């Protein structure tokens, strides 16, 4: 069951226990919390005010307190008018991320190829190339540690469309000139 499903069930339980009204979890809507506020999921309380008979802030606060007591993955909440912003624990997200990565790593193939870096030889290297080298190497080592047979690939002398355009321009307009004959660098 996903976290959203736990929260919807928890809200349905809160509505029953706090206000004596049975609500199907499927009728409860959650939204991603607005980036201006702290939280992961937002429950809009306005449609349920008739059940509580209270104001939006009080209803949201009561439901938030109920959820914090009953769902251990909720670390806190805040109320903005009738919007209940729920904060999920870091541990939940870390475990979810780790489990997702284990699922990926358990997909064993005979061989896995990781291609990385492949800098253009007509341009200078920069920190982005170092970053890509470190990431590619790290991913390959993680896959190896998970039991995969990894083949690392670094395509040297990668030539993109810009190189082809340069070659055609030289053929048409270069008049046979070379870096040596002109005394200039080739790039």
Protein backbone atom coordinates (compact mmCIF):
# COMPACT_ATOMS: atom_id res chain seq x y z
CA UNK A 1 0.00 0.00 0.00
CA UNK A 2 1.33 3.46 -0.88
CA UNK A 3 1.61 6.31 1.61
CA UNK A 4 -1.28 8.16 -0.04
CA UNK A 5 -3.53 5.15 0.60
CA UNK A 6 -2.50 5.04 4.29
CA UNK A 7 -3.24 8.73 4.65
CA UNK A 8 -6.63 8.46 2.94
CA UNK A 9 -7.56 5.55 5.19
CA UNK A 10 -6.33 7.53 8.20
CA UNK A 11 -8.47 10.53 7.22
CA UNK A 12 -11.50 8.25 6.77
CA UNK A 13 -10.82 6.82 10.26
CA UNK A 14 -10.49 10.36 11.67
CA UNK A 15 -13.80 11.44 10.13
CA UNK A 16 -15.50 8.40 11.67
CA UNK A 17 -13.93 8.71 15.12
CA UNK A 18 -14.00 12.51 15.44
CA UNK A 19 -17.27 13.33 13.69
CA UNK A 20 -19.15 10.03 13.49
CA UNK A 21 -19.29 9.96 9.68
CA UNK A 22 -18.20 6.98 7.58
CA UNK A 23 -16.39 8.04 4.41
CA UNK A 24 -14.85 5.84 1.73
CA UNK A 25 -11.09 6.48 1.41
CA UNK A 26 -11.51 6.62 -2.38
CA UNK A 27 -13.58 9.81 -1.99
CA UNK A 28 -10.77 11.58 -0.16
CA UNK A 29 -8.43 13.63 -2.33
CA UNK A 30 -4.82 14.46 -1.55
CA UNK A 31 -2.66 16.99 -3.34
CA UNK A 32 1.05 17.67 -3.40
CA UNK A 33 1.81 20.43 -0.92
CA UNK A 34 2.37 23.86 -2.43
CA UNK A 35 6.11 24.57 -2.49
CA UNK A 36 5.56 27.73 -0.42
CA UNK A 37 4.55 25.59 2.57
CA UNK A 38 6.21 22.79 4.50
CA UNK A 39 4.77 19.35 3.82
CA UNK A 40 4.50 16.46 1.38
CA UNK A 41 0.75 15.91 1.02
CA UNK A 42 -2.14 18.33 1.47
CA UNK A 43 -5.68 17.47 2.48
CA UNK A 44 -8.27 20.13 1.67
CA UNK A 45 -10.74 20.12 4.56
CA UNK A 46 -13.42 22.45 3.14
CA UNK A 47 -15.66 19.71 1.67
CA UNK A 48 -15.80 18.02 5.10
CA UNK A 49 -16.64 21.05 7.27
CA UNK A 50 -20.34 20.13 7.30
CA UNK A 51 -19.37 16.87 9.01
CA UNK A 52 -17.32 18.54 11.74
CA UNK A 53 -19.56 21.56 12.23
CA UNK A 54 -16.39 23.53 13.00
CA UNK A 55 -14.18 26.06 11.24
CA UNK A 56 -11.59 25.03 8.65
CA UNK A 57 -8.54 25.58 10.88
CA UNK A 58 -10.00 23.65 13.81
CA UNK A 59 -11.15 20.77 11.60
CA UNK A 60 -7.75 20.55 9.88
CA UNK A 61 -5.94 20.67 13.24
CA UNK A 62 -8.08 17.90 14.75
CA UNK A 63 -7.59 15.64 11.73
CA UNK A 64 -3.84 16.43 11.70
CA UNK A 65 -3.49 15.51 15.38
CA UNK A 66 -5.40 12.26 14.80
CA UNK A 67 -3.16 11.34 11.84
CA UNK A 68 0.04 12.18 13.71
CA UNK A 69 -1.02 9.82 16.54
CA UNK A 70 -2.11 6.97 14.28
CA UNK A 71 0.30 6.98 11.32
CA UNK A 72 3.94 6.70 12.42
CA UNK A 73 5.27 7.93 9.07
CA UNK A 74 3.71 11.38 9.65
CA UNK A 75 6.30 13.51 11.42
CA UNK A 76 4.24 16.67 11.66
CA UNK A 77 1.66 18.89 10.07
CA UNK A 78 0.73 22.53 9.61
CA UNK A 79 -2.57 24.17 8.83
CA UNK A 80 -3.02 27.04 6.40
CA UNK A 81 -6.68 28.08 6.51
CA UNK A 82 -8.48 24.82 5.62
CA UNK A 83 -5.45 23.13 4.09
CA UNK A 84 -3.84 20.38 6.18
CA UNK A 85 -0.20 19.99 5.07
CA UNK A 86 1.23 16.65 6.19
CA UNK A 87 4.96 16.04 6.60
CA UNK A 88 6.26 12.52 6.03
CA UNK A 89 9.32 11.28 7.97
CA UNK A 90 12.70 11.24 6.25
CA UNK A 91 13.06 7.57 7.22
CA UNK A 92 10.00 6.68 5.12
CA UNK A 93 11.46 8.40 2.03
CA UNK A 94 14.88 6.82 2.57
CA UNK A 95 13.37 3.35 2.91
CA UNK A 96 11.16 3.91 -0.15
CA UNK A 97 14.18 5.03 -2.17
CA UNK A 98 16.30 2.11 -0.95
CA UNK A 99 13.54 -0.41 -1.72
CA UNK A 100 13.07 1.05 -5.20
CA UNK A 101 16.81 0.75 -5.85
CA UNK A 102 16.83 -2.85 -4.62
CA UNK A 103 14.05 -3.64 -7.10
CA UNK A 104 16.15 -2.18 -9.90
CA UNK A 105 19.31 -3.99 -8.79
CA UNK A 106 17.48 -7.31 -8.56
CA UNK A 107 16.86 -7.16 -12.30
CA UNK A 108 19.93 -9.20 -13.20
CA UNK A 109 20.99 -9.53 -16.77
CA UNK A 110 23.88 -11.54 -18.13
CA UNK A 111 25.68 -8.25 -18.74
CA UNK A 112 24.95 -4.61 -18.14
CA UNK A 113 26.66 -1.89 -20.14
CA UNK A 114 27.26 1.53 -18.63
CA UNK A 115 28.35 4.17 -21.11
CA UNK A 116 29.64 7.42 -19.71
CA UNK A 117 31.73 10.47 -20.43
CA UNK A 118 32.41 10.34 -24.19
CA UNK A 119 33.81 13.86 -24.47
CA UNK A 120 34.02 15.64 -27.78
CA UNK A 121 37.68 15.71 -28.78
CA UNK A 122 37.34 19.05 -30.57
CA UNK A 123 36.45 20.87 -27.35
CA UNK A 124 38.32 21.24 -24.07
CA UNK A 125 37.43 19.02 -21.13
CA UNK A 126 35.61 20.67 -18.23
CA UNK A 127 34.16 19.80 -14.81
CA UNK A 128 31.04 18.34 -16.41
CA UNK A 129 33.21 15.62 -17.93
CA UNK A 130 34.74 14.84 -14.53
CA UNK A 131 31.23 14.67 -13.03
CA UNK A 132 30.05 12.28 -15.75
CA UNK A 133 33.14 10.09 -15.30
CA UNK A 134 32.59 9.86 -11.54
CA UNK A 135 28.87 9.15 -11.91
CA UNK A 136 29.37 6.53 -14.61
CA UNK A 137 32.11 4.77 -12.70
CA UNK A 138 30.06 4.85 -9.47
CA UNK A 139 26.95 3.45 -11.15
CA UNK A 140 29.00 0.64 -12.68
CA UNK A 141 30.50 -0.23 -9.28
CA UNK A 142 27.07 -0.22 -7.61
CA UNK A 143 25.74 -2.55 -10.30
CA UNK A 144 28.75 -4.84 -9.87
CA UNK A 145 28.23 -4.93 -6.10
CA UNK A 146 24.64 -5.97 -6.76
CA UNK A 147 25.91 -9.01 -8.66
CA UNK A 148 25.73 -7.78 -12.24
CA UNK A 149 28.47 -8.34 -14.80
CA UNK A 150 29.25 -4.80 -15.97
CA UNK A 151 30.90 -3.61 -19.15
CA UNK A 152 32.04 0.02 -18.99
CA UNK A 153 32.06 1.95 -22.22
CA UNK A 154 33.61 5.30 -22.98
CA UNK A 155 33.22 6.28 -26.60
CA UNK A 156 36.42 8.09 -27.49
CA UNK A 157 36.35 10.63 -30.27
CA UNK A 158 32.57 11.08 -30.18
CA UNK A 159 31.61 13.04 -33.25
CA UNK A 160 28.28 14.77 -33.32
CA UNK A 161 26.48 16.75 -36.03
CA UNK A 162 28.60 19.83 -35.31
CA UNK A 163 31.71 17.91 -36.38
CA UNK A 164 30.03 16.81 -39.62
CA UNK A 165 29.03 20.42 -40.32
CA UNK A 166 32.61 21.55 -39.68
CA UNK A 167 33.97 18.91 -42.09
CA UNK A 168 31.54 19.93 -44.85
CA UNK A 169 32.37 23.60 -44.29
CA UNK A 170 36.09 22.79 -44.61
CA UNK A 171 35.49 20.80 -47.81
CA UNK A 172 33.48 23.65 -49.37
CA UNK A 173 35.30 26.72 -48.07
CA UNK A 174 38.65 25.56 -46.65
CA UNK A 175 40.55 25.68 -49.94
CA UNK A 176 42.68 22.73 -48.81
CA UNK A 177 44.15 24.74 -45.92
CA UNK A 178 45.37 22.73 -42.89
CA UNK A 179 46.42 23.82 -39.39
CA UNK A 180 50.05 23.33 -40.40
CA UNK A 181 49.75 25.41 -43.60
CA UNK A 182 47.92 28.23 -41.83
CA UNK A 183 49.97 28.11 -38.62
CA UNK A 184 46.77 28.01 -36.53
CA UNK A 185 45.36 25.53 -34.07
CA UNK A 186 42.87 23.08 -35.60
CA UNK A 187 40.00 23.85 -33.28
